[in-house]
Protein backbone atom coordinates (compact mmCIF):
# COMPACT_ATOMS: atom_id res chain seq x y z
CA MET A 1 -0.31 0.18 -0.03
CA THR A 2 1.19 3.55 -0.98
CA SER A 3 2.02 5.90 1.88
CA PRO A 4 0.25 9.11 1.71
CA ARG A 5 4.21 10.71 1.32
CA LYS A 6 4.97 8.61 -1.36
CA ALA A 7 1.92 9.37 -2.99
CA ALA A 8 2.02 13.13 -2.24
CA THR A 9 5.65 12.79 -3.85
CA ARG A 10 4.28 11.28 -6.99
CA ARG A 11 1.70 13.47 -7.58
CA TRP A 12 3.26 16.68 -7.66
CA ARG A 13 6.64 15.73 -9.37
CA GLY A 14 6.73 17.86 -12.44
CA VAL A 15 3.70 19.86 -11.66
CA PRO A 16 3.70 23.24 -13.42
CA LEU A 17 4.02 26.03 -11.02
CA ALA A 18 0.88 27.69 -12.00
CA THR A 19 -0.97 24.58 -11.37
CA ALA A 20 0.50 23.84 -7.95
CA LEU A 21 0.50 27.46 -6.87
CA CYS A 22 -3.29 27.61 -7.57
CA ALA A 23 -5.21 27.34 -4.32
CA ALA A 24 -8.64 28.57 -5.64
CA PRO A 25 -11.28 26.50 -4.22
CA CYS A 26 -12.84 25.24 -7.46
CA ILE A 27 -9.72 23.66 -8.33
CA ALA A 28 -8.62 22.57 -4.84
CA ILE A 29 -12.17 20.48 -4.19
CA ALA A 30 -11.26 18.26 -7.03
CA GLY A 31 -7.76 17.00 -5.13
CA GLY A 32 -7.32 15.20 -1.60
CA ALA A 33 -6.98 16.71 1.79
CA LEU A 34 -2.85 16.65 1.12
CA ASP A 35 -3.22 18.10 -2.42
CA LEU A 36 -5.26 21.19 -0.93
CA PHE A 37 -2.73 21.45 1.73
CA TYR A 38 0.21 21.57 -0.60
CA GLU A 39 -1.26 23.96 -2.88
CA ARG A 40 -1.77 26.60 0.11
CA SER A 41 1.53 25.92 1.57
CA VAL A 42 3.08 26.34 -1.76
CA MET A 43 1.51 29.77 -2.56
CA HIS A 44 1.93 30.84 1.17
CA ALA A 45 5.55 30.21 1.00
CA VAL A 46 6.00 32.21 -2.55
CA ASP A 47 4.27 35.33 -0.96
CA ARG A 48 6.33 35.06 1.96
CA ARG A 49 9.26 35.34 -0.41
CA CYS A 50 8.04 37.54 -3.23
CA ASP A 51 5.61 39.78 -1.15
CA LEU A 52 2.75 39.19 -3.68
CA PHE A 53 -0.46 39.69 -1.42
CA ASP A 54 -2.27 42.66 0.84
CA PRO A 55 -2.30 41.57 4.10
CA GLY A 56 -6.16 40.88 4.07
CA VAL A 57 -5.57 38.19 1.42
CA ALA A 58 -2.22 36.82 2.60
CA THR A 59 -3.78 36.11 5.94
CA ALA A 60 -7.10 34.50 4.63
CA LEU A 61 -4.65 32.43 2.50
CA ASP A 62 -3.00 31.29 5.58
CA ALA A 63 -6.13 30.90 7.77
CA ALA A 64 -7.15 28.33 4.56
CA ARG A 65 -3.68 26.74 4.86
CA VAL A 66 -4.10 25.83 8.46
CA GLN A 67 -7.66 24.67 7.93
CA ALA A 68 -6.43 22.52 5.25
CA ARG A 69 -3.74 21.02 7.57
CA GLY A 70 -6.65 20.11 10.07
CA ALA A 71 -8.50 18.39 6.96
CA ALA A 72 -5.37 16.49 6.35
CA LEU A 73 -4.89 15.07 9.73
CA ARG A 74 -8.66 14.26 9.84
CA ALA A 75 -8.58 12.25 6.59
CA GLY A 76 -5.69 10.18 7.93
CA ALA A 77 -2.38 11.95 7.06
CA SER A 78 0.68 11.52 9.66
CA GLU A 79 2.35 14.19 10.89
CA GLU A 80 5.35 13.09 9.18
CA SER A 81 3.52 13.09 5.38
CA LEU A 82 2.58 16.85 6.11
CA LEU A 83 6.24 17.80 7.27
CA GLY A 84 7.27 16.15 3.78
CA VAL A 85 4.28 18.22 1.93
CA GLU A 86 5.62 21.21 3.63
CA GLN A 87 9.15 20.83 2.54
CA ARG A 88 8.18 20.26 -0.88
CA ALA A 89 5.95 23.14 -0.80
CA THR A 90 8.90 25.42 0.73
CA ALA A 91 11.50 23.68 -2.12
CA LYS A 92 8.78 24.22 -4.50
CA ALA A 93 8.34 28.09 -3.79
CA ARG A 94 12.20 28.60 -3.30
CA ALA A 95 12.83 27.66 -6.81
CA ALA A 96 10.09 30.09 -8.55
CA ASP A 97 11.13 33.39 -10.15
CA CYS A 98 9.05 36.23 -8.30
CA ARG A 99 8.90 38.06 -11.68
CA SER A 100 7.93 35.20 -14.00
CA ALA A 101 4.28 34.95 -15.71
CA ASP A 102 3.73 31.59 -13.92
CA VAL A 103 4.11 33.34 -10.64
CA ALA A 104 1.64 36.06 -11.65
CA THR A 105 -1.10 33.66 -13.18
CA ALA A 106 -1.13 31.77 -9.90
CA ALA A 107 -1.35 35.08 -7.72
CA SER A 108 -4.32 36.36 -10.11
CA ARG A 109 -6.08 33.05 -9.25
CA VAL A 110 -5.44 33.16 -5.56
CA LYS A 111 -6.15 36.85 -5.40
CA SER A 112 -9.79 35.71 -7.16
CA ALA A 113 -10.38 33.05 -4.61
CA PHE A 114 -9.51 34.82 -1.26
CA GLU A 115 -10.40 38.34 -1.89
CA GLY A 116 -13.85 37.87 -1.09
CA TYR A 117 -13.22 35.32 1.41
CA SER A 118 -11.08 38.04 3.50
CA HIS A 119 -13.68 40.59 3.62
CA LEU A 120 -16.07 37.68 5.50
CA THR A 121 -17.05 38.93 9.10
CA ARG A 122 -18.60 35.48 10.26
CA LEU A 123 -17.54 31.66 9.22
CA THR A 124 -18.46 28.54 10.60
CA TYR A 125 -15.95 25.45 11.39
CA PRO A 126 -17.56 22.23 11.95
CA GLY A 127 -15.98 19.47 13.79
CA ASP A 128 -16.12 16.11 14.28
CA VAL A 129 -18.10 16.48 17.42
CA ALA A 130 -18.32 20.07 18.05
CA GLY A 131 -17.56 23.05 15.76
CA TRP A 132 -16.37 26.74 16.00
CA GLU A 133 -18.00 29.99 15.38
CA ALA A 134 -16.10 32.99 14.33
CA ASN A 135 -16.92 36.58 14.20
CA ARG A 136 -14.82 39.43 13.16
CA MET A 137 -17.06 42.35 13.74
CA VAL A 138 -15.85 45.11 15.79
CA SER A 139 -17.83 45.73 19.07
CA SER A 140 -17.94 48.97 20.56
CA ASP A 141 -20.31 47.92 23.67
CA GLY A 142 -18.29 45.42 25.25
CA PRO A 143 -16.30 42.18 24.65
CA ILE A 144 -18.08 39.13 22.47
CA TRP A 145 -17.34 35.97 21.45
CA ARG A 146 -14.84 36.22 18.86
CA LEU A 147 -14.14 32.33 18.19
CA SER A 148 -16.64 30.30 20.24
CA GLN A 149 -17.93 26.63 21.02
CA PRO A 150 -20.62 26.08 23.41
CA THR A 151 -21.01 22.81 25.11
CA ARG A 152 -23.61 20.83 27.80
CA PHE A 153 -21.67 18.87 30.68
CA GLY A 154 -24.39 17.31 32.72
CA TRP A 155 -27.07 19.80 33.61
CA ASP A 156 -24.45 22.44 33.32
CA ARG A 157 -23.27 24.60 30.11
CA MET A 158 -20.41 26.30 29.14
CA VAL A 159 -19.27 28.45 26.34
CA PHE A 160 -15.45 28.46 25.53
CA GLY A 161 -13.18 30.60 23.20
CA LEU A 162 -11.59 33.74 22.49
CA GLY A 163 -13.48 36.82 23.37
CA GLY A 164 -12.90 40.49 23.09
CA LYS A 165 -13.91 43.88 21.33
CA VAL A 166 -11.70 43.51 18.02
CA GLY A 167 -9.06 40.65 16.52
CA GLN A 168 -7.99 37.79 18.57
CA GLY A 169 -9.08 38.53 22.01
CA VAL A 170 -8.11 36.42 24.79
CA LEU A 171 -8.85 33.04 25.91
CA LEU A 172 -12.37 32.64 28.04
CA ALA A 173 -14.72 30.17 29.37
CA SER A 174 -18.33 31.38 30.49
CA ALA A 175 -20.03 28.70 32.37
CA SER A 176 -23.62 28.54 34.34
CA PHE A 177 -24.35 25.70 36.89
CA ALA A 178 -27.99 24.28 37.46
CA ASP A 179 -27.83 24.32 41.16
CA GLY A 180 -26.56 27.62 41.42
CA ALA A 181 -22.76 26.15 42.87
CA SER A 182 -20.01 28.27 42.50
CA PRO A 183 -16.52 26.87 41.73
CA TYR A 184 -13.64 28.46 43.99
CA ALA A 185 -10.84 27.12 41.13
CA VAL A 186 -11.11 26.65 37.25
CA ARG A 187 -8.00 25.06 34.84
CA LEU A 188 -7.96 24.33 31.69
CA VAL A 189 -6.01 21.00 31.03
CA MET A 190 -4.63 19.66 27.61
CA ARG A 191 -1.82 17.23 26.15
CA ASP A 192 1.73 18.59 26.95
CA VAL A 193 3.17 18.23 23.30
CA SER A 194 6.66 18.44 24.73
CA ARG A 195 5.95 14.98 26.74
CA THR A 196 3.98 13.15 23.89
CA SER A 197 4.80 12.21 20.11
CA GLY A 198 1.35 12.77 18.65
CA PRO A 199 -2.38 13.06 19.94
CA TYR A 200 -4.22 10.61 22.49
CA LEU A 201 -7.15 8.85 20.73
CA ASP A 202 -8.51 6.16 22.72
CA ARG A 203 -10.41 4.13 19.98
CA ARG A 204 -11.84 1.80 22.52
CA LEU A 205 -14.48 4.28 23.31
CA ALA A 206 -15.48 4.76 19.92
CA GLY A 207 -19.18 4.18 18.91
CA ARG A 208 -20.60 2.07 16.42
CA ASP A 209 -20.20 5.07 13.92
CA GLY A 210 -16.15 4.80 14.90
CA ARG A 211 -16.63 8.43 16.57
CA ILE A 212 -14.57 9.05 19.65
CA PRO A 213 -15.85 10.88 22.20
CA LEU A 214 -14.30 13.92 23.58
CA ALA A 215 -13.54 12.46 26.82
CA GLY A 216 -11.62 9.76 24.99
CA ARG A 217 -9.60 12.51 22.94
CA LEU A 218 -7.16 13.56 26.23
CA PRO A 219 -4.46 11.48 27.68
CA PRO A 220 -4.91 10.44 31.40
CA SER A 221 -1.52 11.45 32.16
CA ALA A 222 1.32 13.73 30.36
CA THR A 223 -1.10 16.67 30.64
CA ARG A 224 -0.29 20.65 31.39
CA ALA A 225 -2.83 22.82 33.43
CA PHE A 226 -3.42 26.68 33.00
CA SER A 227 -4.85 28.32 35.98
CA VAL A 228 -7.47 31.25 35.45
CA GLU A 229 -5.94 34.82 35.60
CA ALA A 230 -9.10 36.84 36.15
CA ARG A 231 -12.88 35.80 37.06
CA SER A 232 -16.11 37.88 36.97
CA PRO A 233 -19.87 37.32 36.41
CA ALA A 234 -20.60 36.83 32.75
CA SER A 235 -22.43 39.60 30.78
CA ALA A 236 -25.46 38.45 29.01
CA ARG A 237 -23.48 38.58 25.95
CA MET A 238 -20.81 36.11 27.32
CA ALA A 239 -22.97 33.71 29.25
CA PRO A 240 -24.35 30.77 27.89
CA ALA A 241 -27.47 31.19 25.68
CA GLY A 242 -30.63 31.42 28.12
CA ALA A 243 -28.59 31.52 31.43
CA LYS A 244 -29.58 33.58 33.92
CA ALA A 245 -26.15 33.86 35.74
CA ALA A 246 -22.69 32.57 34.72
CA ILE A 247 -19.16 33.01 35.59
CA LEU A 248 -16.65 34.13 33.15
CA VAL A 249 -12.64 33.05 33.60
CA ARG A 250 -9.89 34.21 31.54
CA PHE A 251 -6.82 31.90 30.94
CA PRO A 252 -3.06 33.32 29.98
CA VAL A 253 -2.29 34.14 26.48
CA GLN A 254 0.19 30.96 26.42
CA ALA A 255 -2.52 28.72 26.86
CA ILE A 256 -3.96 30.00 23.33
CA GLU A 257 -0.59 29.23 21.44
CA ALA A 258 -0.58 25.90 23.37
CA LEU A 259 -4.23 25.15 22.28
CA ALA A 260 -3.62 26.08 18.88
CA ALA A 261 -0.45 24.03 18.45
CA LEU A 262 -2.62 20.72 19.20
CA ASP A 263 -3.99 18.16 16.57
CA PRO A 264 -7.49 19.08 15.50
CA ARG A 265 -8.66 15.52 16.75
CA GLU A 266 -8.06 15.83 20.16
CA ALA A 267 -9.58 17.59 22.86
CA VAL A 268 -9.02 19.81 25.85
CA MET A 269 -10.94 20.08 29.42
CA VAL A 270 -12.02 23.02 31.67
CA GLU A 271 -12.07 21.56 35.19
CA PHE A 272 -14.35 23.25 37.47
CA VAL A 273 -13.71 22.46 40.84
CA PHE A 274 -16.07 22.83 44.00
CA ALA A 275 -15.81 22.54 48.03
CA SER A 276 -17.78 20.07 49.88
CA ARG A 277 -17.82 18.36 53.24
CA ASP A 278 -15.82 15.17 52.31
CA ARG A 279 -13.58 16.18 49.69
CA ASP A 280 -13.59 18.46 46.53
CA ALA A 281 -15.99 17.84 43.92
CA VAL A 282 -14.95 18.20 40.24
CA ARG A 283 -16.85 18.68 36.73
CA ARG A 284 -15.43 18.50 33.49
CA ALA A 285 -16.36 20.13 30.18
CA TYR A 286 -14.53 19.07 27.27
CA VAL A 287 -13.93 21.13 24.04
CA GLU A 288 -13.04 19.54 20.70
CA VAL A 289 -9.65 21.41 19.47
CA GLY A 290 -11.15 21.23 15.56
CA ASP A 291 -10.33 24.36 13.35
CA PHE A 292 -9.23 26.55 16.30
CA ALA A 293 -5.65 27.50 14.58
CA ALA A 294 -7.61 28.28 11.60
CA GLY A 295 -10.31 30.08 13.39
CA ARG A 296 -7.79 32.32 15.26
CA ALA A 297 -5.68 33.08 11.69
CA PHE A 298 -9.27 34.09 10.43
CA LEU A 299 -9.75 36.79 13.27
CA ASN A 300 -6.50 38.18 12.83
CA VAL A 301 -6.95 38.95 9.27
CA ASP A 302 -7.01 42.64 10.09
CA GLU A 303 -4.22 42.55 12.43
CA ARG A 304 -1.52 42.08 9.92
């Protein structure tokens, strides 16, 4: 059986630059996940070398490249095969003549594909279990959710993601508890990439459809945790839909980078700790990593 890495090598050997650089969705859809990632990686590398696009198009292309990488991982591509694709894309871009007609043709196609995309204010990123909603609208009336994923855990509800008035914002969690309880501690738990070789996906917990629940996508050990930096009552905009009262907590900026570096197939956990007579009670909410990195890149379109 041919590996994804070897297949990608054969597929792109000798492909004309104008074809390889084309990141237009109408062409990309015809290829596989690795094809799409390769196309956008080449064009991204050529733009960095030749300065072809304005910031809006360049950032939109980068966001689409990150999303394509996640799609390739979900399709079964290995980290090794993706690294190989990135290396071939870089080599292809390095050999390109910035002033050539070939590059000009490819750049024109990319502009046509992504100029409209760069002006979008809202996008939905579907996930395997749960997706992300991205919103680039500027808010003058206080923070709003800029990239969010709602979830239920037991009788309780939470919204997790990036919030603020403009741009990327900060990493937040807003939770409401059906019994009115108030946690004395909250922390964000995720896989420690420095102590593991890849995502933890416990296929023993998969259902009949082969889907692994989010609780089976976080390792029982080799994790890292982030404590909250600030806590306050959540505004109506930031609270889970329909909640009468909710808390809002903020995690450190380092947690954003750590979350963006995770595999889109895995999950993170927000742990709420409550005091009780005998011992602390813990309630856990899980969040699918999914296209968090792509959504974050989309929010930063106006930041470059």
